[in-house]
PDB file of N, CA and C in Angstrom:
ATOM      1  N   MET A   1      36.971  -7.955-114.514  1.00  0.00           N
ATOM      2  CA  MET A   1      37.376  -8.496-115.789  1.00  0.00           C
ATOM      3  C   MET A   1      37.380 -10.025-115.698  1.00  0.00           C
ATOM      4  N   ASN A   2      36.857 -10.671-116.714  1.00  0.00           N
ATOM      5  CA  ASN A   2      36.825 -12.122-116.749  1.00  0.00           C
ATOM      6  C   ASN A   2      38.214 -12.695-117.021  1.00  0.00           C
ATOM      7  N   ARG A   3      38.455 -13.834-116.447  1.00  0.00           N
ATOM      8  CA  ARG A   3      39.730 -14.545-116.596  1.00  0.00           C
ATOM      9  C   ARG A   3      39.437 -16.028-116.809  1.00  0.00           C
ATOM     10  N   GLN A   4      40.431 -16.740-117.327  1.00  0.00           N
ATOM     11  CA  GLN A   4      40.297 -18.191-117.422  1.00  0.00           C
ATOM     12  C   GLN A   4      40.523 -18.775-116.030  1.00  0.00           C
ATOM     13  N   VAL A   5      39.628 -19.672-115.632  1.00  0.00           N
ATOM     14  CA  VAL A   5      39.713 -20.334-114.334  1.00  0.00           C
ATOM     15  C   VAL A   5      39.679 -21.840-114.582  1.00  0.00           C
ATOM     16  N   TRP A   6      40.618 -22.544-113.967  1.00  0.00           N
ATOM     17  CA  TRP A   6      40.684 -23.997-114.103  1.00  0.00           C
ATOM     18  C   TRP A   6      40.136 -24.629-112.831  1.00  0.00           C
ATOM     19  N   PHE A   7      39.356 -25.693-113.008  1.00  0.00           N
ATOM     20  CA  PHE A   7      38.783 -26.430-111.881  1.00  0.00           C
ATOM     21  C   PHE A   7      39.212 -27.889-111.963  1.00  0.00           C
ATOM     22  N   GLY A   8      39.451 -28.481-110.823  1.00  0.00           N
ATOM     23  CA  GLY A   8      39.844 -29.885-110.786  1.00  0.00           C
ATOM     24  C   GLY A   8      40.474 -30.232-109.456  1.00  0.00           C
ATOM     25  N   VAL A   9      41.508 -31.069-109.516  1.00  0.00           N
ATOM     26  CA  VAL A   9      42.231 -31.478-108.321  1.00  0.00           C
ATOM     27  C   VAL A   9      43.666 -30.990-108.461  1.00  0.00           C
ATOM     28  N   PHE A  10      44.029 -30.015-107.633  1.00  0.00           N
ATOM     29  CA  PHE A  10      45.353 -29.415-107.672  1.00  0.00           C
ATOM     30  C   PHE A  10      45.978 -29.469-106.280  1.00  0.00           C
ATOM     31  N   GLU A  11      47.295 -29.510-106.254  1.00  0.00           N
ATOM     32  CA  GLU A  11      48.037 -29.373-104.997  1.00  0.00           C
ATOM     33  C   GLU A  11      48.866 -28.100-105.100  1.00  0.00           C
ATOM     34  N   PHE A  12      48.870 -27.325-104.040  1.00  0.00           N
ATOM     35  CA  PHE A  12      49.639 -26.088-103.997  1.00  0.00           C
ATOM     36  C   PHE A  12      50.686 -26.190-102.900  1.00  0.00           C
ATOM     37  N   GLY A  13      51.859 -25.649-103.172  1.00  0.00           N
ATOM     38  CA  GLY A  13      52.913 -25.666-102.164  1.00  0.00           C
ATOM     39  C   GLY A  13      54.121 -24.900-102.653  1.00  0.00           C
ATOM     40  N   ASP A  14      55.216 -25.049-101.918  1.00  0.00           N
ATOM     41  CA  ASP A  14      56.466 -24.387-102.269  1.00  0.00           C
ATOM     42  C   ASP A  14      57.533 -25.437-102.533  1.00  0.00           C
ATOM     43  N   PHE A  15      58.245 -25.259-103.623  1.00  0.00           N
ATOM     44  CA  PHE A  15      59.402 -26.076-103.935  1.00  0.00           C
ATOM     45  C   PHE A  15      60.595 -25.370-103.318  1.00  0.00           C
ATOM     46  N   MET A  16      61.330 -26.061-102.476  1.00  0.00           N
ATOM     47  CA  MET A  16      62.468 -25.454-101.790  1.00  0.00           C
ATOM     48  C   MET A  16      63.763 -25.759-102.538  1.00  0.00           C
ATOM     49  N   LYS A  17      64.535 -24.713-102.820  1.00  0.00           N
ATOM     50  CA  LYS A  17      65.826 -24.859-103.485  1.00  0.00           C
ATOM     51  C   LYS A  17      66.798 -23.893-102.824  1.00  0.00           C
ATOM     52  N   CYS A  18      67.838 -24.433-102.225  1.00  0.00           N
ATOM     53  CA  CYS A  18      68.859 -23.628-101.532  1.00  0.00           C
ATOM     54  C   CYS A  18      68.237 -22.695-100.492  1.00  0.00           C
ATOM     55  N   GLY A  19      67.213 -23.182 -99.818  1.00  0.00           N
ATOM     56  CA  GLY A  19      66.584 -22.398 -98.759  1.00  0.00           C
ATOM     57  C   GLY A  19      65.553 -21.391 -99.241  1.00  0.00           C
ATOM     58  N   ASP A  20      65.370 -21.271-100.557  1.00  0.00           N
ATOM     59  CA  ASP A  20      64.367 -20.349-101.103  1.00  0.00           C
ATOM     60  C   ASP A  20      63.135 -21.132-101.535  1.00  0.00           C
ATOM     61  N   GLY A  21      61.968 -20.581-101.271  1.00  0.00           N
ATOM     62  CA  GLY A  21      60.716 -21.222-101.659  1.00  0.00           C
ATOM     63  C   GLY A  21      60.196 -20.676-102.976  1.00  0.00           C
ATOM     64  N   TYR A  22      59.778 -21.578-103.847  1.00  0.00           N
ATOM     65  CA  TYR A  22      59.199 -21.208-105.133  1.00  0.00           C
ATOM     66  C   TYR A  22      57.782 -21.764-105.181  1.00  0.00           C
ATOM     67  N   PRO A  23      56.752 -20.917-105.281  1.00  0.00           N
ATOM     68  CA  PRO A  23      55.377 -21.402-105.319  1.00  0.00           C
ATOM     69  C   PRO A  23      55.147 -22.304-106.531  1.00  0.00           C
ATOM     70  N   MET A  24      54.329 -23.331-106.316  1.00  0.00           N
ATOM     71  CA  MET A  24      54.013 -24.223-107.421  1.00  0.00           C
ATOM     72  C   MET A  24      52.619 -24.809-107.250  1.00  0.00           C
ATOM     73  N   ALA A  25      52.052 -25.222-108.360  1.00  0.00           N
ATOM     74  CA  ALA A  25      50.775 -25.933-108.379  1.00  0.00           C
ATOM     75  C   ALA A  25      50.979 -27.192-109.198  1.00  0.00           C
ATOM     76  N   ILE A  26      50.518 -28.312-108.663  1.00  0.00           N
ATOM     77  CA  ILE A  26      50.564 -29.581-109.386  1.00  0.00           C
ATOM     78  C   ILE A  26      49.137 -29.940-109.767  1.00  0.00           C
ATOM     79  N   ILE A  27      48.913 -30.125-111.049  1.00  0.00           N
ATOM     80  CA  ILE A  27      47.589 -30.486-111.535  1.00  0.00           C
ATOM     81  C   ILE A  27      47.483 -32.007-111.532  1.00  0.00           C
ATOM     82  N   ARG A  28      46.659 -32.532-110.656  1.00  0.00           N
ATOM     83  CA  ARG A  28      46.410 -33.970-110.587  1.00  0.00           C
ATOM     84  C   ARG A  28      45.314 -34.366-111.572  1.00  0.00           C
ATOM     85  N   ARG A  29      44.294 -33.512-111.667  1.00  0.00           N
ATOM     86  CA  ARG A  29      43.202 -33.747-112.615  1.00  0.00           C
ATOM     87  C   ARG A  29      42.605 -32.396-112.984  1.00  0.00           C
ATOM     88  N   LEU A  30      42.434 -32.169-114.277  1.00  0.00           N
ATOM     89  CA  LEU A  30      41.846 -30.921-114.765  1.00  0.00           C
ATOM     90  C   LEU A  30      40.470 -31.254-115.320  1.00  0.00           C
ATOM     91  N   ASP A  31      39.424 -30.736-114.671  1.00  0.00           N
ATOM     92  CA  ASP A  31      38.050 -31.068-115.044  1.00  0.00           C
ATOM     93  C   ASP A  31      37.398 -30.035-115.944  1.00  0.00           C
ATOM     94  N   ALA A  32      37.732 -28.772-115.784  1.00  0.00           N
ATOM     95  CA  ALA A  32      37.069 -27.727-116.568  1.00  0.00           C
ATOM     96  C   ALA A  32      37.944 -26.486-116.656  1.00  0.00           C
ATOM     97  N   LYS A  33      37.831 -25.809-117.786  1.00  0.00           N
ATOM     98  CA  LYS A  33      38.446 -24.499-117.990  1.00  0.00           C
ATOM     99  C   LYS A  33      37.319 -23.564-118.403  1.00  0.00           C
ATOM    100  N   LEU A  34      37.079 -22.535-117.607  1.00  0.00           N
ATOM    101  CA  LEU A  34      35.992 -21.597-117.871  1.00  0.00           C
ATOM    102  C   LEU A  34      36.522 -20.175-117.865  1.00  0.00           C
ATOM    103  N   VAL A  35      35.871 -19.308-118.613  1.00  0.00           N
ATOM    104  CA  VAL A  35      36.155 -17.879-118.560  1.00  0.00           C
ATOM    105  C   VAL A  35      35.053 -17.260-117.711  1.00  0.00           C
ATOM    106  N   MET A  36      35.474 -16.643-116.603  1.00  0.00           N
ATOM    107  CA  MET A  36      34.495 -16.112-115.655  1.00  0.00           C
ATOM    108  C   MET A  36      35.144 -15.040-114.793  1.00  0.00           C
ATOM    109  N   ASN A  37      34.324 -14.382-113.995  1.00  0.00           N
ATOM    110  CA  ASN A  37      34.819 -13.420-113.022  1.00  0.00           C
ATOM    111  C   ASN A  37      35.533 -14.197-111.913  1.00  0.00           C
ATOM    112  N   PRO A  38      36.801 -13.912-111.656  1.00  0.00           N
ATOM    113  CA  PRO A  38      37.530 -14.642-110.618  1.00  0.00           C
ATOM    114  C   PRO A  38      36.880 -14.561-109.235  1.00  0.00           C
ATOM    115  N   ASP A  39      36.123 -13.508-108.976  1.00  0.00           N
ATOM    116  CA  ASP A  39      35.442 -13.373-107.690  1.00  0.00           C
ATOM    117  C   ASP A  39      34.371 -14.445-107.487  1.00  0.00           C
ATOM    118  N   ASP A  40      33.920 -15.063-108.577  1.00  0.00           N
ATOM    119  CA  ASP A  40      32.881 -16.087-108.505  1.00  0.00           C
ATOM    120  C   ASP A  40      33.445 -17.510-108.451  1.00  0.00           C
ATOM    121  N   ALA A  41      34.759 -17.658-108.572  1.00  0.00           N
ATOM    122  CA  ALA A  41      35.378 -18.984-108.682  1.00  0.00           C
ATOM    123  C   ALA A  41      35.143 -19.850-107.443  1.00  0.00           C
ATOM    124  N   GLU A  42      35.293 -19.281-106.272  1.00  0.00           N
ATOM    125  CA  GLU A  42      35.117 -20.055-105.032  1.00  0.00           C
ATOM    126  C   GLU A  42      33.702 -20.623-104.931  1.00  0.00           C
ATOM    127  N   ASP A  43      32.697 -19.794-105.188  1.00  0.00           N
ATOM    128  CA  ASP A  43      31.314 -20.257-105.125  1.00  0.00           C
ATOM    129  C   ASP A  43      31.037 -21.299-106.198  1.00  0.00           C
ATOM    130  N   TYR A  44      31.536 -21.075-107.411  1.00  0.00           N
ATOM    131  CA  TYR A  44      31.329 -22.028-108.501  1.00  0.00           C
ATOM    132  C   TYR A  44      31.961 -23.375-108.150  1.00  0.00           C
ATOM    133  N   MET A  45      33.160 -23.349-107.585  1.00  0.00           N
ATOM    134  CA  MET A  45      33.847 -24.572-107.197  1.00  0.00           C
ATOM    135  C   MET A  45      33.003 -25.362-106.192  1.00  0.00           C
ATOM    136  N   THR A  46      32.514 -24.684-105.173  1.00  0.00           N
ATOM    137  CA  THR A  46      31.724 -25.332-104.128  1.00  0.00           C
ATOM    138  C   THR A  46      30.405 -25.862-104.672  1.00  0.00           C
ATOM    139  N   GLU A  47      29.709 -25.046-105.446  1.00  0.00           N
ATOM    140  CA  GLU A  47      28.406 -25.436-105.972  1.00  0.00           C
ATOM    141  C   GLU A  47      28.478 -26.617-106.942  1.00  0.00           C
ATOM    142  N   ASN A  48      29.625 -26.789-107.603  1.00  0.00           N
ATOM    143  CA  ASN A  48      29.753 -27.840-108.611  1.00  0.00           C
ATOM    144  C   ASN A  48      30.632 -29.009-108.164  1.00  0.00           C
ATOM    145  N   GLY A  49      31.019 -29.024-106.905  1.00  0.00           N
ATOM    146  CA  GLY A  49      31.724 -30.161-106.329  1.00  0.00           C
ATOM    147  C   GLY A  49      33.168 -30.339-106.771  1.00  0.00           C
ATOM    148  N   PHE A  50      33.794 -29.266-107.223  1.00  0.00           N
ATOM    149  CA  PHE A  50      35.207 -29.358-107.580  1.00  0.00           C
ATOM    150  C   PHE A  50      36.057 -29.288-106.314  1.00  0.00           C
ATOM    151  N   ASP A  51      37.239 -29.886-106.378  1.00  0.00           N
ATOM    152  CA  ASP A  51      38.150 -29.916-105.238  1.00  0.00           C
ATOM    153  C   ASP A  51      38.880 -28.588-105.060  1.00  0.00           C
ATOM    154  N   SER A  52      39.325 -28.003-106.165  1.00  0.00           N
ATOM    155  CA  SER A  52      40.098 -26.764-106.094  1.00  0.00           C
ATOM    156  C   SER A  52      40.030 -26.028-107.431  1.00  0.00           C
ATOM    157  N   TYR A  53      40.593 -24.829-107.441  1.00  0.00           N
ATOM    158  CA  TYR A  53      40.630 -24.047-108.676  1.00  0.00           C
ATOM    159  C   TYR A  53      41.937 -23.279-108.760  1.00  0.00           C
ATOM    160  N   LEU A  54      42.254 -22.854-109.986  1.00  0.00           N
ATOM    161  CA  LEU A  54      43.474 -22.104-110.254  1.00  0.00           C
ATOM    162  C   LEU A  54      43.157 -21.046-111.296  1.00  0.00           C
ATOM    163  N   ILE A  55      43.627 -19.839-111.055  1.00  0.00           N
ATOM    164  CA  ILE A  55      43.498 -18.755-112.029  1.00  0.00           C
ATOM    165  C   ILE A  55      44.906 -18.517-112.572  1.00  0.00           C
ATOM    166  N   PRO A  56      45.240 -19.119-113.720  1.00  0.00           N
ATOM    167  CA  PRO A  56      46.619 -19.075-114.223  1.00  0.00           C
ATOM    168  C   PRO A  56      47.197 -17.668-114.348  1.00  0.00           C
ATOM    169  N   SER A  57      46.408 -16.708-114.795  1.00  0.00           N
ATOM    170  CA  SER A  57      46.933 -15.353-114.995  1.00  0.00           C
ATOM    171  C   SER A  57      47.231 -14.642-113.680  1.00  0.00           C
ATOM    172  N   GLN A  58      46.711 -15.153-112.577  1.00  0.00           N
ATOM    173  CA  GLN A  58      46.936 -14.525-111.278  1.00  0.00           C
ATOM    174  C   GLN A  58      47.859 -15.341-110.371  1.00  0.00           C
ATOM    175  N   PHE A  59      48.224 -16.535-110.817  1.00  0.00           N
ATOM    176  CA  PHE A  59      49.084 -17.385-109.996  1.00  0.00           C
ATOM    177  C   PHE A  59      50.538 -17.060-110.278  1.00  0.00           C
ATOM    178  N   ASN A  60      51.246 -16.651-109.253  1.00  0.00           N
ATOM    179  CA  ASN A  60      52.644 -16.258-109.394  1.00  0.00           C
ATOM    180  C   ASN A  60      53.530 -17.429-108.988  1.00  0.00           C
ATOM    181  N   GLY A  61      53.589 -18.443-109.843  1.00  0.00           N
ATOM    182  CA  GLY A  61      54.389 -19.617-109.538  1.00  0.00           C
ATOM    183  C   GLY A  61      54.450 -20.543-110.739  1.00  0.00           C
ATOM    184  N   GLU A  62      55.036 -21.708-110.527  1.00  0.00           N
ATOM    185  CA  GLU A  62      55.175 -22.721-111.564  1.00  0.00           C
ATOM    186  C   GLU A  62      53.949 -23.627-111.551  1.00  0.00           C
ATOM    187  N   VAL A  63      53.519 -24.065-112.731  1.00  0.00           N
ATOM    188  CA  VAL A  63      52.402 -24.993-112.850  1.00  0.00           C
ATOM    189  C   VAL A  63      52.916 -26.255-113.534  1.00  0.00           C
ATOM    190  N   TYR A  64      52.661 -27.407-112.900  1.00  0.00           N
ATOM    191  CA  TYR A  64      53.103 -28.694-113.424  1.00  0.00           C
ATOM    192  C   TYR A  64      51.925 -29.648-113.508  1.00  0.00           C
ATOM    193  N   TYR A  65      51.967 -30.532-114.488  1.00  0.00           N
ATOM    194  CA  TYR A  65      50.982 -31.594-114.595  1.00  0.00           C
ATOM    195  C   TYR A  65      51.558 -32.859-113.983  1.00  0.00           C
ATOM    196  N   ALA A  66      50.788 -33.522-113.136  1.00  0.00           N
ATOM    197  CA  ALA A  66      51.218 -34.784-112.553  1.00  0.00           C
ATOM    198  C   ALA A  66      51.215 -35.844-113.644  1.00  0.00           C
ATOM    199  N   GLU A  67      52.121 -36.771-113.528  1.00  0.00           N
ATOM    200  CA  GLU A  67      52.188 -37.854-114.493  1.00  0.00           C
ATOM    201  C   GLU A  67      51.018 -38.808-114.255  1.00  0.00           C
ATOM    202  N   ALA A  68      50.349 -39.186-115.330  1.00  0.00           N
ATOM    203  CA  ALA A  68      49.222 -40.120-115.223  1.00  0.00           C
ATOM    204  C   ALA A  68      49.748 -41.497-114.860  1.00  0.00           C
ATOM    205  N   VAL A  69      49.033 -42.154-113.978  1.00  0.00           N
ATOM    206  CA  VAL A  69      49.447 -43.489-113.535  1.00  0.00           C
ATOM    207  C   VAL A  69      48.523 -44.525-114.128  1.00  0.00           C
TER     208      VAL A  69
END
């Protein structure tokens, strides 16, 4: 099934609160949003020179946008 896939520059990690980790993604730059088969995202990212990708419907965590400088 096709899903929306975001490509750009993202940082992934865990936000720690009271010893518990909460997954998060920080969007530094969002270059493209495409609807595609998630199995093809890794190859598409590499072939098109993107730094990273995120599949919002499959990411079990918080998503934040970095403040523009």
